C-alpha cells in the first residue's frame, strides 16, 4: 500500500515535470519530479515576480503565450549580462513551439534608456524587466513570461541529471575540455564549456546558439527518460538555486494539462544579419526586412 502511494506521487511528479521541460525548455525550464510537495517547494523557490504588466493568459482556452529565457553569468559584485537570450512561443492549437535565439550583440533600442546598444546589455541596465521590454519592442510581440538561468549554476542541473548527450558537429577544445565530432556525453563542467565556445566556430555566435539549443534539448531528453535518475533532491536544489521565473506553480500545472503535446514539435528559428563596427564597437545588425520577417512569423504563431 505504501509503495503504491509512493509510485502514485512519483507519477504525479513526473507529470508536473513535463511542465518545466516545456518551459525551460525550458528546455532551460525545469527538470524535476518525484514527490509532489518537494516539487512545489522547489517551484516556490524559483518563483520571482516582476514589476511589469503582462497579459493574463487563459490556459484553459489554450491561448498561445511566449517565454523569454535568459542565460545569465552572475558573478559576485557584478549584475552580469544575459549572454543567452531565447524567445519561445507556444501554440497548442498548432501543436508547436517556436524557438528563436537572439544574438547577444544585436543592435537595438534599449527600452527605458532611449539608446541604441547591444540587446544583452538591457539586463545589465535594468534586469529582467528591461530585457523583456527590449525584446518585446525588438520583436513586436508580447513577452508574457521569463525564465532566468544562472549559467554558472546550470552545470549543477546537468550534473543532477547525471549528465547529458549531444551530437557535436565541430572538433574543438575549450577550457581544457576536448569535444570530438559525433555523439558525446557531457557532465556539468563540460556542458558549460561546450556552450561558451565561440571564437573557434566558423559560424561564430550562431554556432554557439546551436550548441545552447543542443544542451537544452539534451536536458529535455534526459528529463523525460528519468529512469536512470535517483537523486531527486539534487535536482530540486539545483533548480531552486539557479532558476528564477514569474511562472507560478498553478500556471505550470495548467500548462502541463493543456500544452504538453506542443513540446514535441520545436521549430528552431534564425534571425539573419551581419557584423558591423560603430564607434569601434562590434554589433550584429539585423536588416529591417529580416526583422519584419521574424516578427510576422512569431505573430502568426501567437495568433496575432
Protein backbone atom coordinates (compact mmCIF):
# COMPACT_ATOMS: atom_id res chain seq x y z
CA UNK A 1 0.00 0.00 0.00
CA UNK A 2 2.80 2.42 0.94
CA UNK A 3 4.73 1.53 -2.24
CA UNK A 4 1.62 2.10 -4.35
CA UNK A 5 1.09 5.52 -2.75
CA UNK A 6 4.74 6.45 -3.33
CA UNK A 7 4.54 5.41 -7.00
CA UNK A 8 1.37 7.44 -7.43
CA UNK A 9 3.09 10.53 -6.05
CA UNK A 10 6.10 9.87 -8.25
CA UNK A 11 3.93 9.60 -11.38
CA UNK A 12 2.23 12.86 -10.44
CA UNK A 13 5.60 14.49 -10.01
CA UNK A 14 6.74 13.20 -13.39
CA UNK A 15 3.67 14.72 -14.98
CA UNK A 16 4.38 18.10 -13.39
CA UNK A 17 7.99 17.83 -14.51
CA UNK A 18 6.71 17.85 -18.07
CA UNK A 19 5.65 21.44 -17.49
CA UNK A 20 9.13 22.51 -16.66
CA UNK A 21 10.52 20.67 -19.62
CA UNK A 22 8.09 22.50 -21.90
CA UNK A 23 9.11 25.84 -20.47
CA UNK A 24 12.80 25.78 -19.81
CA UNK A 25 12.56 24.05 -22.50
CA UNK A 26 12.67 25.50 -20.86
CA UNK A 27 14.17 23.37 -22.20
CA UNK A 28 16.01 25.71 -19.98
CA UNK A 29 12.65 25.40 -17.52
CA UNK A 30 12.78 22.66 -15.23
CA UNK A 31 13.69 19.11 -14.69
CA UNK A 32 12.29 17.70 -11.67
CA UNK A 33 9.63 15.50 -10.36
CA UNK A 34 9.43 12.97 -7.60
CA UNK A 35 7.34 13.89 -4.63
CA UNK A 36 4.69 16.48 -5.35
CA UNK A 37 5.27 18.64 -2.29
CA UNK A 38 9.03 18.71 -2.85
CA UNK A 39 8.47 19.85 -6.42
CA UNK A 40 6.02 22.50 -5.25
CA UNK A 41 8.59 23.80 -2.76
CA UNK A 42 11.25 23.95 -5.48
CA UNK A 43 8.97 25.91 -7.79
CA UNK A 44 8.06 28.29 -4.97
CA UNK A 45 11.79 28.97 -4.54
CA UNK A 46 12.13 29.53 -8.28
CA UNK A 47 9.17 31.91 -8.42
CA UNK A 48 10.24 35.54 -8.63
CA UNK A 49 7.53 38.06 -9.63
CA UNK A 50 8.46 41.17 -11.59
CA UNK A 51 7.22 44.75 -11.63
CA UNK A 52 5.86 44.66 -15.16
CA UNK A 53 2.40 44.49 -16.69
CA UNK A 54 1.80 41.31 -18.67
CA UNK A 55 -1.17 39.64 -20.33
CA UNK A 56 -3.48 37.30 -18.45
CA UNK A 57 -3.25 34.03 -20.37
CA UNK A 58 -6.35 31.80 -20.29
CA UNK A 59 -4.57 28.45 -20.25
CA UNK A 60 -7.86 26.54 -20.13
CA UNK A 61 -8.71 28.13 -23.50
CA UNK A 62 -5.30 27.11 -24.86
CA UNK A 63 -4.21 30.65 -25.66
CA UNK A 64 -0.71 30.90 -27.19
CA UNK A 65 1.91 32.51 -24.98
CA UNK A 66 5.58 33.50 -25.03
CA UNK A 67 8.57 33.00 -22.74
CA UNK A 68 11.91 34.82 -22.72
CA UNK A 69 14.71 32.64 -21.47
CA UNK A 70 17.78 34.43 -20.16
CA UNK A 71 21.06 32.67 -19.54
CA UNK A 72 22.94 34.99 -17.21
CA UNK A 73 26.52 34.89 -15.97
CA UNK A 74 26.19 36.32 -12.47
CA UNK A 75 29.39 36.91 -10.55
CA UNK A 76 29.95 38.46 -7.15
CA UNK A 77 29.82 42.25 -7.36
CA UNK A 78 28.62 42.15 -10.98
CA UNK A 79 24.98 42.00 -12.07
CA UNK A 80 26.09 40.27 -15.27
CA UNK A 81 24.75 40.22 -18.80
CA UNK A 82 22.28 37.91 -20.49
CA UNK A 83 24.66 36.17 -22.88
CA UNK A 84 21.86 33.77 -23.85
CA UNK A 85 18.51 35.17 -24.99
CA UNK A 86 15.95 32.73 -26.36
CA UNK A 87 12.33 33.58 -27.15
CA UNK A 88 9.84 30.75 -27.23
CA UNK A 89 6.27 30.97 -28.44
CA UNK A 90 3.94 28.10 -27.56
CA UNK A 91 0.80 27.37 -29.57
CA UNK A 92 -1.19 24.27 -28.53
CA UNK A 93 -3.64 24.56 -31.43
CA UNK A 94 -0.75 24.39 -33.89
CA UNK A 95 0.83 21.82 -31.56
CA UNK A 96 4.21 23.52 -31.82
CA UNK A 97 6.85 25.65 -30.14
CA UNK A 98 8.94 28.21 -32.00
CA UNK A 99 12.36 28.89 -30.55
CA UNK A 100 14.37 31.97 -31.57
CA UNK A 101 17.90 32.65 -30.31
CA UNK A 102 18.72 36.36 -30.41
CA UNK A 103 22.44 37.09 -30.95
CA UNK A 104 23.70 38.89 -27.86
CA UNK A 105 25.41 41.64 -29.92
CA UNK A 106 22.20 42.55 -31.80
CA UNK A 107 21.94 46.34 -32.02
CA UNK A 108 18.55 47.67 -31.00
CA UNK A 109 16.82 50.25 -28.83
CA UNK A 110 17.19 49.58 -25.12
CA UNK A 111 13.72 50.39 -23.86
CA UNK A 112 13.84 52.57 -20.77
CA UNK A 113 17.15 54.18 -21.68
CA UNK A 114 16.37 55.58 -25.12
CA UNK A 115 19.69 54.42 -26.55
CA UNK A 116 20.84 52.01 -29.24
CA UNK A 117 23.04 49.28 -27.80
CA UNK A 118 23.69 45.54 -27.72
CA UNK A 119 20.48 43.77 -26.75
CA UNK A 120 22.13 41.77 -23.98
CA UNK A 121 23.10 45.00 -22.20
CA UNK A 122 19.43 45.51 -21.30
CA UNK A 123 19.82 43.05 -18.43
CA UNK A 124 22.86 44.87 -17.04
CA UNK A 125 21.00 48.19 -17.22
CA UNK A 126 17.59 47.15 -15.92
CA UNK A 127 17.40 43.46 -15.12
CA UNK A 128 14.68 41.11 -16.25
CA UNK A 129 12.07 43.85 -16.75
CA UNK A 130 14.21 45.90 -19.14
CA UNK A 131 15.22 42.74 -21.01
CA UNK A 132 11.58 41.78 -21.51
CA UNK A 133 10.62 45.31 -22.59
CA UNK A 134 13.53 45.50 -25.03
CA UNK A 135 12.90 42.08 -26.60
CA UNK A 136 9.17 42.84 -26.79
CA UNK A 137 9.94 46.05 -28.68
CA UNK A 138 12.51 44.38 -30.94
CA UNK A 139 10.22 41.53 -31.98
CA UNK A 140 6.93 43.46 -31.73
CA UNK A 141 5.23 40.63 -29.83
CA UNK A 142 4.07 40.41 -26.20
CA UNK A 143 6.56 38.72 -23.85
CA UNK A 144 4.40 37.03 -21.22
CA UNK A 145 6.87 35.19 -19.03
CA UNK A 146 10.55 34.90 -18.33
CA UNK A 147 12.87 32.21 -17.09
CA UNK A 148 16.34 33.18 -15.92
CA UNK A 149 19.05 30.57 -15.55
CA UNK A 150 22.34 31.24 -13.80
CA UNK A 151 24.77 29.74 -16.31
CA UNK A 152 27.43 29.13 -13.67
CA UNK A 153 24.92 27.04 -11.77
CA UNK A 154 23.46 25.38 -14.86
CA UNK A 155 26.24 22.81 -14.60
CA UNK A 156 24.68 21.74 -11.28
CA UNK A 157 21.43 20.98 -13.09
CA UNK A 158 23.24 18.88 -15.71
CA UNK A 159 25.15 17.01 -13.01
CA UNK A 160 21.95 16.43 -11.03
CA UNK A 161 20.51 14.77 -14.13
CA UNK A 162 23.56 12.51 -14.36
CA UNK A 163 24.94 14.23 -17.46
CA UNK A 164 23.52 14.63 -20.96
CA UNK A 165 24.31 13.54 -24.54
CA UNK A 166 24.68 15.82 -27.59
CA UNK A 167 25.70 15.40 -31.22
CA UNK A 168 28.73 17.64 -31.78
CA UNK A 169 29.39 18.89 -35.34
CA UNK A 170 32.79 20.58 -34.92
CA UNK A 171 36.00 19.38 -33.24
CA UNK A 172 37.25 21.90 -30.68
CA UNK A 173 38.83 22.39 -27.27
CA UNK A 174 37.51 24.79 -24.64
CA UNK A 175 38.60 25.33 -21.02
CA UNK A 176 40.80 22.24 -21.22
CA UNK A 177 37.95 20.01 -22.45
CA UNK A 178 38.22 18.35 -25.87
CA UNK A 179 34.98 17.88 -27.83
CA UNK A 180 35.32 15.49 -30.81
CA UNK A 181 32.79 15.30 -33.63
CA UNK A 182 29.90 12.91 -33.04
CA UNK A 183 27.75 11.86 -30.13
CA UNK A 184 29.39 12.82 -26.85
CA UNK A 185 28.42 12.69 -23.19
CA UNK A 186 28.83 15.81 -21.06
CA UNK A 187 28.92 16.46 -17.36
CA UNK A 188 28.09 19.88 -15.93
CA UNK A 189 31.53 21.48 -16.37
CA UNK A 190 31.82 20.14 -19.89
CA UNK A 191 28.33 21.34 -20.83
CA UNK A 192 29.17 24.86 -19.65
CA UNK A 193 32.39 24.90 -21.71
CA UNK A 194 30.54 23.41 -24.69
CA UNK A 195 28.06 26.29 -24.87
CA UNK A 196 30.63 29.00 -24.22
CA UNK A 197 32.92 28.27 -27.18
CA UNK A 198 32.51 30.83 -29.95
CA UNK A 199 35.86 32.03 -31.35
CA UNK A 200 36.86 28.72 -32.95
CA UNK A 201 33.48 28.23 -34.62
CA UNK A 202 33.28 29.38 -38.27
CA UNK A 203 29.61 30.20 -37.62
CA UNK A 204 30.52 32.46 -34.71
CA UNK A 205 27.63 33.27 -32.41
CA UNK A 206 25.21 31.17 -34.47
CA UNK A 207 27.30 28.08 -33.82
CA UNK A 208 27.24 28.92 -30.13
CA UNK A 209 23.47 29.33 -30.24
CA UNK A 210 23.13 25.91 -31.84
CA UNK A 211 25.16 24.35 -29.03
CA UNK A 212 22.96 26.13 -26.48
CA UNK A 213 19.89 24.56 -28.09
CA UNK A 214 21.59 21.16 -28.09
CA UNK A 215 22.19 21.45 -24.34
CA UNK A 216 18.57 22.45 -23.76
CA UNK A 217 17.29 19.53 -25.80
CA UNK A 218 19.76 17.19 -24.11
CA UNK A 219 18.38 18.24 -20.74
CA UNK A 220 14.83 17.75 -22.01
CA UNK A 221 15.55 14.26 -23.34
CA UNK A 222 17.31 13.20 -20.15
CA UNK A 223 14.50 14.64 -18.07
CA UNK A 224 11.86 12.70 -19.98
CA UNK A 225 13.79 9.44 -19.58
CA UNK A 226 14.26 9.91 -15.80
CA UNK A 227 14.53 6.14 -15.38
CA UNK A 228 18.23 6.40 -14.54
CA UNK A 229 17.92 9.39 -12.19
CA UNK A 230 17.65 8.75 -8.48
CA UNK A 231 18.97 11.92 -6.80
CA UNK A 232 15.74 13.91 -7.00
CA UNK A 233 16.77 16.12 -4.09
CA UNK A 234 19.87 17.24 -6.01
CA UNK A 235 17.69 18.23 -8.95
CA UNK A 236 15.37 20.27 -6.74
CA UNK A 237 18.25 22.06 -5.03
CA UNK A 238 19.91 22.86 -8.37
CA UNK A 239 16.66 24.27 -9.74
CA UNK A 240 15.88 26.38 -6.68
CA UNK A 241 19.40 27.79 -6.59
CA UNK A 242 19.80 28.58 -10.27
CA UNK A 243 16.43 29.15 -11.96
CA UNK A 244 14.04 32.08 -11.45
CA UNK A 245 10.72 32.67 -13.21
CA UNK A 246 7.47 34.60 -12.88
CA UNK A 247 5.51 31.44 -13.76
CA UNK A 248 3.63 30.16 -10.73
CA UNK A 249 3.21 26.54 -9.75
CA UNK A 250 -0.51 26.65 -10.60
CA UNK A 251 0.28 28.10 -14.02
CA UNK A 252 2.80 25.33 -14.61
CA UNK A 253 0.13 22.75 -13.80
CA UNK A 254 -2.25 24.39 -16.28
CA UNK A 255 0.44 24.43 -18.95
CA UNK A 256 1.12 20.73 -18.38
CA UNK A 257 -2.58 19.98 -18.69
CA UNK A 258 -3.31 21.97 -21.84
CA UNK A 259 0.00 22.47 -23.68
CA UNK A 260 2.26 19.45 -23.10
CA UNK A 261 1.92 17.98 -26.62
CA UNK A 262 3.33 21.17 -28.18
CA UNK A 263 6.76 20.42 -26.68
CA UNK A 264 7.22 17.50 -29.08
CA UNK A 265 7.38 19.85 -32.08
CA UNK A 266 10.07 22.53 -31.70
CA UNK A 267 10.82 24.76 -34.69
CA UNK A 268 14.20 26.48 -34.34
CA UNK A 269 14.28 29.90 -35.98
CA UNK A 270 17.25 32.01 -37.03
CA UNK A 271 17.49 35.76 -37.48
CA UNK A 272 19.93 36.84 -40.19
CA UNK A 273 22.17 39.86 -40.04
CA UNK A 274 25.78 40.94 -40.34
CA UNK A 275 28.57 42.22 -38.16
CA UNK A 276 29.34 45.92 -38.18
CA UNK A 277 31.54 48.34 -36.26
CA UNK A 278 30.12 51.58 -34.87
CA UNK A 279 32.43 53.82 -32.89
CA UNK A 280 34.93 50.97 -32.68
CA UNK A 281 32.35 48.65 -31.08
CA UNK A 282 31.15 45.43 -32.73
CA UNK A 283 27.42 44.99 -33.27
CA UNK A 284 25.20 42.48 -35.03
CA UNK A 285 22.98 44.47 -37.40
CA UNK A 286 19.63 42.99 -38.45
CA UNK A 287 18.08 44.50 -41.63
CA UNK A 288 14.57 45.86 -41.22
CA UNK A 289 13.16 43.41 -43.79
CA UNK A 290 14.63 40.46 -41.86
CA UNK A 291 13.31 41.77 -38.58
CA UNK A 292 9.84 42.11 -40.09
CA UNK A 293 10.02 38.54 -41.43
CA UNK A 294 10.79 37.16 -37.98
CA UNK A 295 8.16 39.39 -36.36
CA UNK A 296 5.50 38.16 -38.79
CA UNK A 297 6.35 34.50 -38.17
CA UNK A 298 6.16 34.89 -34.41
CA UNK A 299 2.99 37.00 -34.53
CA UNK A 300 1.30 34.37 -36.69
CA UNK A 301 2.31 31.67 -34.24
CA UNK A 302 0.85 33.70 -31.38
CA UNK A 303 -2.36 34.26 -33.34
CA UNK A 304 -1.76 38.00 -33.73
